[in-house]
Amino acid sequence: MKRFVAAGVAFVALAGVAPYLAALPDGSRGTAYIGLHMAMTGVGALATWWFPADGRAVRWLICLGVLARLAAALAPPFTSNDIYRYLWDGHLLLEGLDPWQASPSGVGAAHWPLPPDNRDIASLYPPGAMGLFALAALGGPIGGLWLWKAMVLAASVTSLVLAQRLARDTPGQRWLPLMALSPLLVLEGGVGAHLDLVSALPLLGALLLVRRRAFVGAGALLGVGALVKLLPLVALLPLVVACGRRAGARATFGATVVLALGYTAPAAFGWSAIGSLGQFMARWRFGTPVALTERMAGAQVAIGVTAALFVVLLAWSAWRAHRGGFEHGLPFALVAPLVASPVAFPWYLAPLASTTATAPTALVVAWASLAPLSYEVIDSYRLTGQFEPAAWPLWLATAGLAAAFAFDVLARHAWASSAAPARETDGRTA
């Protein structure tokens, strides 16, 4: 217990270093951030190894996880400019303009500062996210930034509490530190204040409702998550496979109703609510095996790799859901569209990292650990203004993902202690 607490306190202390990195000179913050992430990864691994998984240790773990999130949240957003775009989009919505059609460069600056980048494309965020942005924008350019940070912090802490509830009284409690002391969740939520931390919350809520066989409610929460960021919607596949057609139909109904309401509301104001996702995906290549493939072998080969990765991971998700239940198929379903995408920034992995408390997988743990290596691009970008990521983070991440997935496939019982208590079906326990 003492060793676990010592490692946990060290983790919190390292999270408290994040605000100071923002004061480093241009050209050094990316390297320093990677070093901090790797140090937190090592200390978090020790805390997981030494975690006794009893009631007292869980209480310590929750407190340490909350403190780490609070400490990191004091940092200004120096790893990306997303938060400024969130607030700009929310500002447009409050002004009665269509953020899915109006780009910052097209509207121009009035009393609100323009976002630093991607000024020539309209917003790509779903309606639920846009509503949250508008709420934060009520605080103004400065107050809104900290209001948004508070909203993300609240979502992150609530997700931690939900994860603890999901793992409580199950063997999966052994792996709770993987989520509570996840450097990716702590830093991406605290420093970058990314929307993906918010989308993880309804996903965990849906997991809890599936446990209770409230399938319509679970589907509705997945719909809520998809209104914030589209990724949670792929959870319907393992849910249908694990819980049966009737349960899947109920969940799909719940998700469809929520999505229909969410997209109908903007249409009532004459807004499109579709946005520039396609334009964004065509422009960016970053952080995935597909991006590496296109870089090394060209677009045609990358298309084939995309299709193969997507099918293999979805098939494995369905198999794991069939054999082990919804919780064990879910991580692979969430990984599939990201691995097969041409772009996946580190914060996209937040919903994945949030599932490690209920069904840890080597694939998710490895990617969450290696993805922040791509922040090496920050240093050159701040100095030159050119976004030119190096190839070595992609090579390391791709090799790590391949090895981790092989481990998951060949040693699928390695995480046996994290198995769900029972596999839920349409209304009976299998």
Protein backbone atom coordinates (compact mmCIF):
# COMPACT_ATOMS: atom_id res chain seq x y z
CA MET A 1 0.00 0.00 0.00
CA LYS A 2 2.79 2.45 0.87
CA ARG A 3 4.52 1.91 -2.45
CA PHE A 4 1.26 2.45 -4.33
CA VAL A 5 0.54 5.70 -2.47
CA ALA A 6 4.11 6.92 -3.06
CA ALA A 7 3.82 6.23 -6.79
CA GLY A 8 0.41 7.92 -6.89
CA VAL A 9 1.71 11.03 -5.11
CA ALA A 10 4.63 11.16 -7.55
CA PHE A 11 2.13 10.97 -10.43
CA VAL A 12 0.19 13.94 -9.04
CA ALA A 13 3.43 15.88 -8.57
CA LEU A 14 4.37 15.26 -12.20
CA ALA A 15 0.92 16.42 -13.34
CA GLY A 16 1.62 19.62 -11.44
CA VAL A 17 4.64 20.23 -13.69
CA ALA A 18 2.42 20.67 -16.77
CA PRO A 19 1.59 24.36 -16.15
CA TYR A 20 5.29 25.22 -16.03
CA LEU A 21 5.98 23.69 -19.45
CA ALA A 22 3.92 26.42 -21.07
CA ALA A 23 6.54 28.97 -19.98
CA LEU A 24 9.36 27.20 -21.82
CA PRO A 25 10.69 28.88 -24.96
CA ASP A 26 9.43 27.99 -28.42
CA GLY A 27 11.14 24.92 -29.79
CA SER A 28 11.31 23.06 -26.47
CA ARG A 29 7.74 22.62 -25.21
CA GLY A 30 6.94 19.60 -27.37
CA THR A 31 10.02 17.69 -26.23
CA ALA A 32 9.34 18.61 -22.61
CA TYR A 33 5.72 17.50 -22.92
CA ILE A 34 6.77 14.12 -24.33
CA GLY A 35 9.24 13.71 -21.46
CA LEU A 36 6.53 14.54 -18.93
CA HIS A 37 4.10 12.10 -20.52
CA MET A 38 6.65 9.29 -20.51
CA ALA A 39 7.61 9.96 -16.89
CA MET A 40 3.93 9.88 -15.89
CA THR A 41 3.47 6.68 -17.89
CA GLY A 42 6.29 4.99 -15.97
CA VAL A 43 5.07 6.16 -12.57
CA GLY A 44 1.48 5.24 -13.45
CA ALA A 45 2.63 1.74 -14.44
CA LEU A 46 4.32 1.33 -11.04
CA ALA A 47 1.17 2.51 -9.28
CA THR A 48 -0.86 -0.04 -11.25
CA TRP A 49 1.61 -2.81 -10.40
CA TRP A 50 1.53 -1.98 -6.70
CA PHE A 51 -2.23 -1.32 -6.51
CA PRO A 52 -3.72 -3.60 -3.83
CA ALA A 53 -7.28 -3.25 -5.22
CA ASP A 54 -8.98 -3.08 -1.83
CA GLY A 55 -11.48 -0.50 -0.62
CA ARG A 56 -8.94 1.76 1.05
CA ALA A 57 -6.66 1.72 -1.98
CA VAL A 58 -9.58 2.57 -4.28
CA ARG A 59 -10.41 5.63 -2.18
CA TRP A 60 -6.78 6.73 -2.38
CA LEU A 61 -6.80 6.11 -6.13
CA ILE A 62 -9.86 8.26 -6.76
CA CYS A 63 -8.42 11.11 -4.70
CA LEU A 64 -5.09 10.89 -6.52
CA GLY A 65 -6.80 10.77 -9.91
CA VAL A 66 -8.88 13.86 -9.12
CA LEU A 67 -5.86 15.76 -7.78
CA ALA A 68 -3.83 14.95 -10.89
CA ARG A 69 -6.63 16.24 -13.12
CA LEU A 70 -6.92 19.43 -11.07
CA ALA A 71 -3.17 20.04 -11.19
CA ALA A 72 -2.93 19.60 -14.96
CA ALA A 73 -5.98 21.80 -15.56
CA LEU A 74 -4.02 24.84 -14.33
CA ALA A 75 -1.90 24.73 -17.49
CA PRO A 76 -2.75 27.00 -20.42
CA PRO A 77 -3.51 25.08 -23.66
CA PHE A 78 -0.11 24.97 -25.34
CA THR A 79 -0.30 21.56 -27.07
CA SER A 80 -3.05 22.50 -29.54
CA ASN A 81 -5.31 25.38 -30.52
CA ASP A 82 -8.56 23.41 -30.45
CA ILE A 83 -10.00 25.21 -27.45
CA TYR A 84 -9.85 28.53 -29.31
CA ARG A 85 -11.81 27.00 -32.18
CA TYR A 86 -14.36 25.58 -29.74
CA LEU A 87 -14.99 29.05 -28.35
CA TRP A 88 -15.07 30.66 -31.78
CA ASP A 89 -17.70 28.18 -33.00
CA GLY A 90 -19.71 28.75 -29.84
CA HIS A 91 -19.45 32.51 -30.38
CA LEU A 92 -20.81 32.16 -33.93
CA LEU A 93 -23.74 30.13 -32.64
CA LEU A 94 -24.55 32.80 -30.05
CA GLU A 95 -24.41 35.43 -32.81
CA GLY A 96 -27.01 33.49 -34.78
CA LEU A 97 -24.60 32.47 -37.55
CA ASP A 98 -24.24 28.97 -38.98
CA PRO A 99 -20.86 27.63 -37.73
CA TRP A 100 -21.12 24.69 -40.16
CA GLN A 101 -21.07 27.07 -43.14
CA ALA A 102 -19.19 30.15 -41.95
CA SER A 103 -15.40 29.89 -41.67
CA PRO A 104 -13.42 32.26 -39.44
CA SER A 105 -11.69 33.83 -42.44
CA GLY A 106 -15.07 34.36 -44.10
CA VAL A 107 -16.62 36.03 -41.07
CA GLY A 108 -13.58 37.99 -39.93
CA ALA A 109 -12.78 39.26 -36.45
CA ALA A 110 -15.12 41.55 -34.57
CA HIS A 111 -14.92 41.60 -30.81
CA TRP A 112 -13.80 37.97 -30.70
CA PRO A 113 -10.24 36.83 -31.60
CA LEU A 114 -9.93 34.52 -34.58
CA PRO A 115 -8.71 30.96 -33.89
CA PRO A 116 -5.00 30.56 -34.72
CA ASP A 117 -5.38 27.91 -37.45
CA ASN A 118 -7.83 26.22 -39.85
CA ARG A 119 -9.43 29.59 -40.47
CA ASP A 120 -10.52 28.71 -43.99
CA ILE A 121 -12.80 25.79 -43.11
CA ALA A 122 -16.15 25.76 -41.35
CA SER A 123 -16.75 23.78 -38.18
CA LEU A 124 -16.80 20.00 -38.23
CA TYR A 125 -18.27 19.38 -34.75
CA PRO A 126 -21.69 17.78 -34.16
CA PRO A 127 -24.64 19.75 -32.73
CA GLY A 128 -24.18 18.58 -29.13
CA ALA A 129 -20.60 19.80 -29.09
CA MET A 130 -21.69 23.11 -30.59
CA GLY A 131 -24.19 23.64 -27.79
CA LEU A 132 -21.45 23.07 -25.21
CA PHE A 133 -19.17 25.50 -27.04
CA ALA A 134 -21.88 28.15 -26.98
CA LEU A 135 -22.33 27.64 -23.25
CA ALA A 136 -18.61 28.18 -22.67
CA ALA A 137 -18.54 31.18 -25.03
CA LEU A 138 -20.97 32.97 -22.73
CA GLY A 139 -17.92 33.62 -20.55
CA GLY A 140 -16.15 35.63 -23.27
CA PRO A 141 -12.76 34.96 -24.90
CA ILE A 142 -10.87 34.72 -21.58
CA GLY A 143 -13.50 33.62 -19.09
CA GLY A 144 -14.87 31.18 -21.65
CA LEU A 145 -11.51 29.43 -21.86
CA TRP A 146 -11.50 28.66 -18.16
CA LEU A 147 -15.21 27.88 -18.16
CA TRP A 148 -14.56 25.30 -20.88
CA LYS A 149 -11.66 23.90 -18.91
CA ALA A 150 -13.94 23.54 -15.89
CA MET A 151 -16.52 21.72 -18.01
CA VAL A 152 -13.92 19.26 -19.33
CA LEU A 153 -12.53 18.77 -15.83
CA ALA A 154 -16.01 18.02 -14.49
CA ALA A 155 -16.58 15.47 -17.29
CA SER A 156 -13.20 13.84 -16.62
CA VAL A 157 -13.79 13.54 -12.87
CA THR A 158 -17.33 12.20 -13.40
CA SER A 159 -15.96 9.64 -15.86
CA LEU A 160 -13.49 8.52 -13.21
CA VAL A 161 -16.30 8.05 -10.70
CA LEU A 162 -18.34 6.09 -13.25
CA ALA A 163 -15.35 3.89 -14.08
CA GLN A 164 -14.87 3.14 -10.39
CA ARG A 165 -18.55 2.21 -10.14
CA LEU A 166 -18.27 -0.09 -13.15
CA ALA A 167 -15.19 -1.80 -11.72
CA ARG A 168 -16.49 -1.98 -8.13
CA ASP A 169 -16.87 -5.47 -6.71
CA THR A 170 -15.49 -7.07 -9.88
CA PRO A 171 -12.05 -8.44 -10.72
CA GLY A 172 -11.73 -5.50 -13.11
CA GLN A 173 -11.09 -3.22 -10.15
CA ARG A 174 -7.51 -4.46 -10.33
CA TRP A 175 -7.00 -2.38 -13.48
CA LEU A 176 -8.70 0.82 -12.36
CA PRO A 177 -5.37 2.72 -12.12
CA LEU A 178 -4.94 2.36 -15.88
CA MET A 179 -7.79 4.82 -16.24
CA ALA A 180 -7.50 6.84 -13.03
CA LEU A 181 -3.79 7.52 -13.55
CA SER A 182 -3.77 7.65 -17.33
CA PRO A 183 -1.31 10.33 -18.48
CA LEU A 184 -3.26 10.74 -21.71
CA LEU A 185 -6.54 11.44 -19.89
CA VAL A 186 -4.91 13.71 -17.31
CA LEU A 187 -2.87 15.78 -19.79
CA GLU A 188 -5.24 15.89 -22.75
CA GLY A 189 -8.06 16.89 -20.44
CA GLY A 190 -6.04 19.27 -18.32
CA VAL A 191 -3.68 20.91 -20.81
CA GLY A 192 -5.52 20.65 -24.13
CA ALA A 193 -9.04 20.58 -22.59
CA HIS A 194 -10.21 18.48 -25.51
CA LEU A 195 -13.81 17.69 -26.35
CA ASP A 196 -13.01 13.96 -26.47
CA LEU A 197 -12.91 13.86 -22.66
CA VAL A 198 -16.55 14.93 -22.69
CA SER A 199 -17.56 12.29 -25.24
CA ALA A 200 -16.10 9.57 -23.00
CA LEU A 201 -18.63 10.33 -20.26
CA PRO A 202 -21.83 9.12 -22.02
CA LEU A 203 -19.88 6.09 -23.27
CA LEU A 204 -19.17 4.99 -19.70
CA GLY A 205 -22.76 5.77 -18.75
CA ALA A 206 -23.92 3.48 -21.55
CA LEU A 207 -21.68 0.71 -20.20
CA LEU A 208 -23.36 1.05 -16.82
CA LEU A 209 -26.86 0.94 -18.35
CA VAL A 210 -26.00 -2.17 -20.39
CA ARG A 211 -25.01 -3.83 -17.12
CA ARG A 212 -28.52 -3.00 -15.89
CA ARG A 213 -30.11 -4.18 -19.15
CA ALA A 214 -31.51 -0.68 -19.79
CA PHE A 215 -30.78 -0.95 -23.49
CA VAL A 216 -32.89 1.96 -24.75
CA GLY A 217 -31.20 4.26 -22.25
CA ALA A 218 -27.78 2.89 -23.17
CA GLY A 219 -28.45 3.57 -26.85
CA ALA A 220 -29.70 7.05 -26.01
CA LEU A 221 -26.44 7.79 -24.17
CA LEU A 222 -24.44 6.53 -27.14
CA GLY A 223 -26.48 8.95 -29.23
CA VAL A 224 -25.61 11.75 -26.82
CA GLY A 225 -21.95 10.79 -27.12
CA ALA A 226 -22.22 10.86 -30.92
CA LEU A 227 -23.74 14.34 -30.76
CA VAL A 228 -20.55 15.42 -29.01
CA LYS A 229 -18.07 13.39 -31.10
CA LEU A 230 -19.10 10.69 -33.58
CA LEU A 231 -16.85 7.89 -32.27
CA PRO A 232 -19.15 6.47 -29.50
CA LEU A 233 -21.67 5.43 -32.15
CA VAL A 234 -19.52 2.45 -33.22
CA ALA A 235 -20.21 0.94 -29.78
CA LEU A 236 -23.54 -0.26 -31.18
CA LEU A 237 -21.77 -3.10 -33.02
CA PRO A 238 -20.38 -4.95 -29.97
CA LEU A 239 -23.58 -4.13 -28.07
CA VAL A 240 -25.76 -5.87 -30.67
CA VAL A 241 -23.41 -8.86 -30.90
CA ALA A 242 -23.07 -9.28 -27.14
CA CYS A 243 -26.62 -8.55 -26.04
CA GLY A 244 -28.70 -9.94 -28.88
CA ARG A 245 -30.90 -8.57 -31.63
CA ARG A 246 -33.75 -7.43 -29.41
CA ALA A 247 -31.45 -5.55 -27.08
CA GLY A 248 -29.55 -4.18 -30.06
CA ALA A 249 -32.79 -2.97 -31.66
CA ARG A 250 -33.72 -1.16 -28.45
CA ALA A 251 -30.31 0.46 -28.19
CA THR A 252 -30.37 1.45 -31.85
CA PHE A 253 -33.81 2.97 -31.36
CA GLY A 254 -32.58 5.03 -28.40
CA ALA A 255 -29.54 6.26 -30.32
CA THR A 256 -31.59 7.06 -33.44
CA VAL A 257 -34.13 9.14 -31.51
CA VAL A 258 -31.42 11.19 -29.80
CA LEU A 259 -29.49 11.73 -33.03
CA ALA A 260 -32.64 12.70 -34.91
CA LEU A 261 -33.56 15.27 -32.27
CA GLY A 262 -29.99 16.55 -32.12
CA TYR A 263 -29.74 17.15 -35.87
CA THR A 264 -33.30 18.39 -36.29
CA ALA A 265 -32.82 21.26 -33.85
CA PRO A 266 -30.19 23.10 -35.96
CA ALA A 267 -32.24 22.46 -39.10
CA ALA A 268 -35.12 24.37 -37.50
CA PHE A 269 -32.88 27.47 -37.63
CA GLY A 270 -31.86 26.80 -41.22
CA TRP A 271 -28.41 25.51 -40.28
CA SER A 272 -26.77 22.55 -41.98
CA ALA A 273 -25.18 20.78 -38.97
CA ILE A 274 -23.02 18.70 -41.30
CA GLY A 275 -19.87 20.76 -41.41
CA SER A 276 -16.44 20.26 -42.94
CA LEU A 277 -15.50 16.79 -41.67
CA GLY A 278 -14.82 15.52 -45.20
CA GLN A 279 -12.65 18.53 -45.99
CA PHE A 280 -10.76 18.08 -42.73
CA MET A 281 -10.12 14.38 -43.38
CA ALA A 282 -8.90 15.13 -46.89
CA ARG A 283 -6.45 17.74 -45.62
CA TRP A 284 -4.82 16.08 -42.60
CA ARG A 285 -2.48 13.08 -42.39
CA PHE A 286 -1.29 12.41 -38.88
CA GLY A 287 -0.71 9.80 -36.23
CA THR A 288 -2.03 6.55 -37.72
CA PRO A 289 -0.70 3.51 -39.61
CA VAL A 290 -2.71 4.70 -42.63
CA ALA A 291 -0.93 8.06 -42.55
CA LEU A 292 2.40 6.23 -42.47
CA THR A 293 1.35 3.92 -45.32
CA GLU A 294 0.30 6.82 -47.52
CA ARG A 295 3.54 8.58 -46.73
CA MET A 296 5.68 5.57 -47.65
CA ALA A 297 3.67 3.81 -50.38
CA GLY A 298 1.08 6.24 -51.74
CA ALA A 299 -2.65 6.84 -51.53
CA GLN A 300 -3.80 3.71 -53.39
CA VAL A 301 -1.99 1.35 -51.04
CA ALA A 302 -3.26 3.35 -48.06
CA ILE A 303 -6.86 2.82 -49.18
CA GLY A 304 -6.35 -0.94 -49.14
CA VAL A 305 -4.67 -0.80 -45.74
CA THR A 306 -7.55 1.32 -44.42
CA ALA A 307 -10.15 -1.21 -45.50
CA ALA A 308 -8.17 -4.17 -44.17
CA LEU A 309 -7.52 -2.63 -40.76
CA PHE A 310 -11.12 -1.54 -40.37
CA VAL A 311 -12.56 -4.95 -41.24
CA VAL A 312 -10.08 -6.91 -39.11
CA LEU A 313 -10.60 -4.78 -36.01
CA LEU A 314 -14.39 -4.73 -36.32
CA ALA A 315 -14.40 -8.51 -36.82
CA TRP A 316 -12.23 -8.96 -33.74
CA SER A 317 -14.51 -6.59 -31.80
CA ALA A 318 -17.53 -8.71 -32.75
CA TRP A 319 -15.70 -11.91 -31.77
CA ARG A 320 -14.63 -10.54 -28.39
CA ALA A 321 -18.15 -9.24 -27.77
CA HIS A 322 -19.59 -12.63 -28.62
CA ARG A 323 -17.16 -14.49 -26.36
CA GLY A 324 -16.69 -12.04 -23.50
CA GLY A 325 -19.52 -9.52 -23.59
CA PHE A 326 -20.03 -5.92 -24.63
CA GLU A 327 -17.24 -4.53 -22.47
CA HIS A 328 -14.61 -6.73 -24.11
CA GLY A 329 -15.66 -5.97 -27.68
CA LEU A 330 -16.01 -2.23 -27.10
CA PRO A 331 -12.32 -1.17 -27.08
CA PHE A 332 -11.64 -2.78 -30.45
CA ALA A 333 -14.75 -1.21 -31.98
CA LEU A 334 -13.54 2.21 -30.83
CA VAL A 335 -10.03 1.57 -32.13
CA ALA A 336 -11.18 0.47 -35.60
CA PRO A 337 -12.22 3.84 -37.12
CA LEU A 338 -9.24 5.63 -35.57
CA VAL A 339 -6.61 3.13 -36.74
CA ALA A 340 -8.18 3.14 -40.21
CA SER A 341 -8.39 6.94 -40.36
CA PRO A 342 -5.77 9.14 -42.06
CA VAL A 343 -5.64 11.31 -38.94
CA ALA A 344 -5.82 10.58 -35.21
CA PHE A 345 -4.46 13.19 -32.84
CA PRO A 346 -3.55 11.90 -29.36
CA TRP A 347 -6.67 13.34 -27.74
CA TYR A 348 -8.87 11.24 -30.03
CA LEU A 349 -7.90 8.29 -27.82
CA ALA A 350 -9.60 9.63 -24.68
CA PRO A 351 -12.76 7.48 -25.05
CA LEU A 352 -10.53 4.44 -25.62
CA ALA A 353 -8.38 5.13 -22.58
CA SER A 354 -11.55 5.50 -20.50
CA THR A 355 -12.48 1.84 -21.16
CA THR A 356 -9.30 0.40 -19.62
CA ALA A 357 -10.88 0.19 -16.16
CA THR A 358 -13.52 -2.26 -17.37
CA ALA A 359 -11.77 -4.21 -20.14
CA PRO A 360 -8.07 -3.39 -20.51
CA THR A 361 -6.44 -4.28 -23.79
CA ALA A 362 -2.79 -4.11 -24.76
CA LEU A 363 -3.77 -2.30 -27.98
CA VAL A 364 -5.39 0.64 -26.17
CA VAL A 365 -2.72 0.84 -23.46
CA ALA A 366 0.07 0.82 -26.06
CA TRP A 367 -1.51 3.46 -28.28
CA ALA A 368 -2.36 5.75 -25.38
CA SER A 369 1.26 5.48 -24.25
CA LEU A 370 2.87 6.04 -27.66
CA ALA A 371 0.54 8.52 -29.38
CA PRO A 372 1.90 11.62 -27.54
CA LEU A 373 5.29 11.02 -29.17
CA SER A 374 3.74 12.79 -32.14
CA TYR A 375 3.90 16.04 -30.18
CA GLU A 376 7.48 16.34 -31.44
CA VAL A 377 5.93 18.42 -34.23
CA ILE A 378 5.08 21.21 -31.79
CA ASP A 379 8.66 22.41 -31.55
CA SER A 380 9.26 22.90 -35.27
CA TYR A 381 5.75 24.28 -35.79
CA ARG A 382 6.24 26.97 -33.17
CA LEU A 383 9.58 27.97 -34.68
CA THR A 384 8.79 27.83 -38.39
CA GLY A 385 5.00 27.90 -38.67
CA GLN A 386 5.19 24.75 -40.84
CA PHE A 387 3.34 21.63 -39.69
CA GLU A 388 5.73 18.87 -40.76
CA PRO A 389 5.57 15.84 -38.45
CA ALA A 390 8.51 13.44 -38.41
CA ALA A 391 8.13 9.80 -39.44
CA TRP A 392 9.72 8.17 -36.37
CA PRO A 393 6.70 8.60 -34.03
CA LEU A 394 4.54 6.92 -36.68
CA TRP A 395 6.96 4.02 -37.02
CA LEU A 396 7.12 3.51 -33.24
CA ALA A 397 3.37 3.77 -32.81
CA THR A 398 2.64 1.41 -35.71
CA ALA A 399 5.11 -1.19 -34.44
CA GLY A 400 3.70 -0.86 -30.93
CA LEU A 401 0.13 -1.24 -32.15
CA ALA A 402 0.99 -4.31 -34.21
CA ALA A 403 2.76 -5.98 -31.27
CA ALA A 404 -0.02 -5.06 -28.85
CA PHE A 405 -2.78 -6.36 -31.12
CA ALA A 406 -0.87 -9.60 -31.64
CA PHE A 407 -0.66 -9.93 -27.86
CA ASP A 408 -4.41 -9.33 -27.53
CA VAL A 409 -5.17 -11.96 -30.16
CA LEU A 410 -2.68 -14.63 -29.09
CA ALA A 411 -3.07 -14.14 -25.35
CA ARG A 412 -6.68 -13.03 -25.09
CA HIS A 413 -6.95 -14.53 -21.60
CA ALA A 414 -4.06 -12.42 -20.30
CA TRP A 415 -6.54 -9.89 -18.94
CA ALA A 416 -8.82 -12.61 -17.58
CA SER A 417 -8.92 -10.97 -14.17
CA SER A 418 -10.73 -8.02 -15.76
CA ALA A 419 -13.63 -10.07 -17.11
CA ALA A 420 -17.11 -8.69 -16.70
CA PRO A 421 -19.22 -10.38 -14.01
CA ALA A 422 -21.64 -11.83 -16.55
CA ARG A 423 -22.60 -11.52 -20.18
CA GLU A 424 -25.91 -9.71 -20.56
CA THR A 425 -28.33 -10.68 -23.31
CA ASP A 426 -31.81 -9.60 -24.26
CA GLY A 427 -33.19 -10.10 -20.82
CA ARG A 428 -31.41 -13.11 -19.54
CA THR A 429 -27.91 -13.85 -18.28
CA ALA A 430 -25.80 -16.16 -20.39
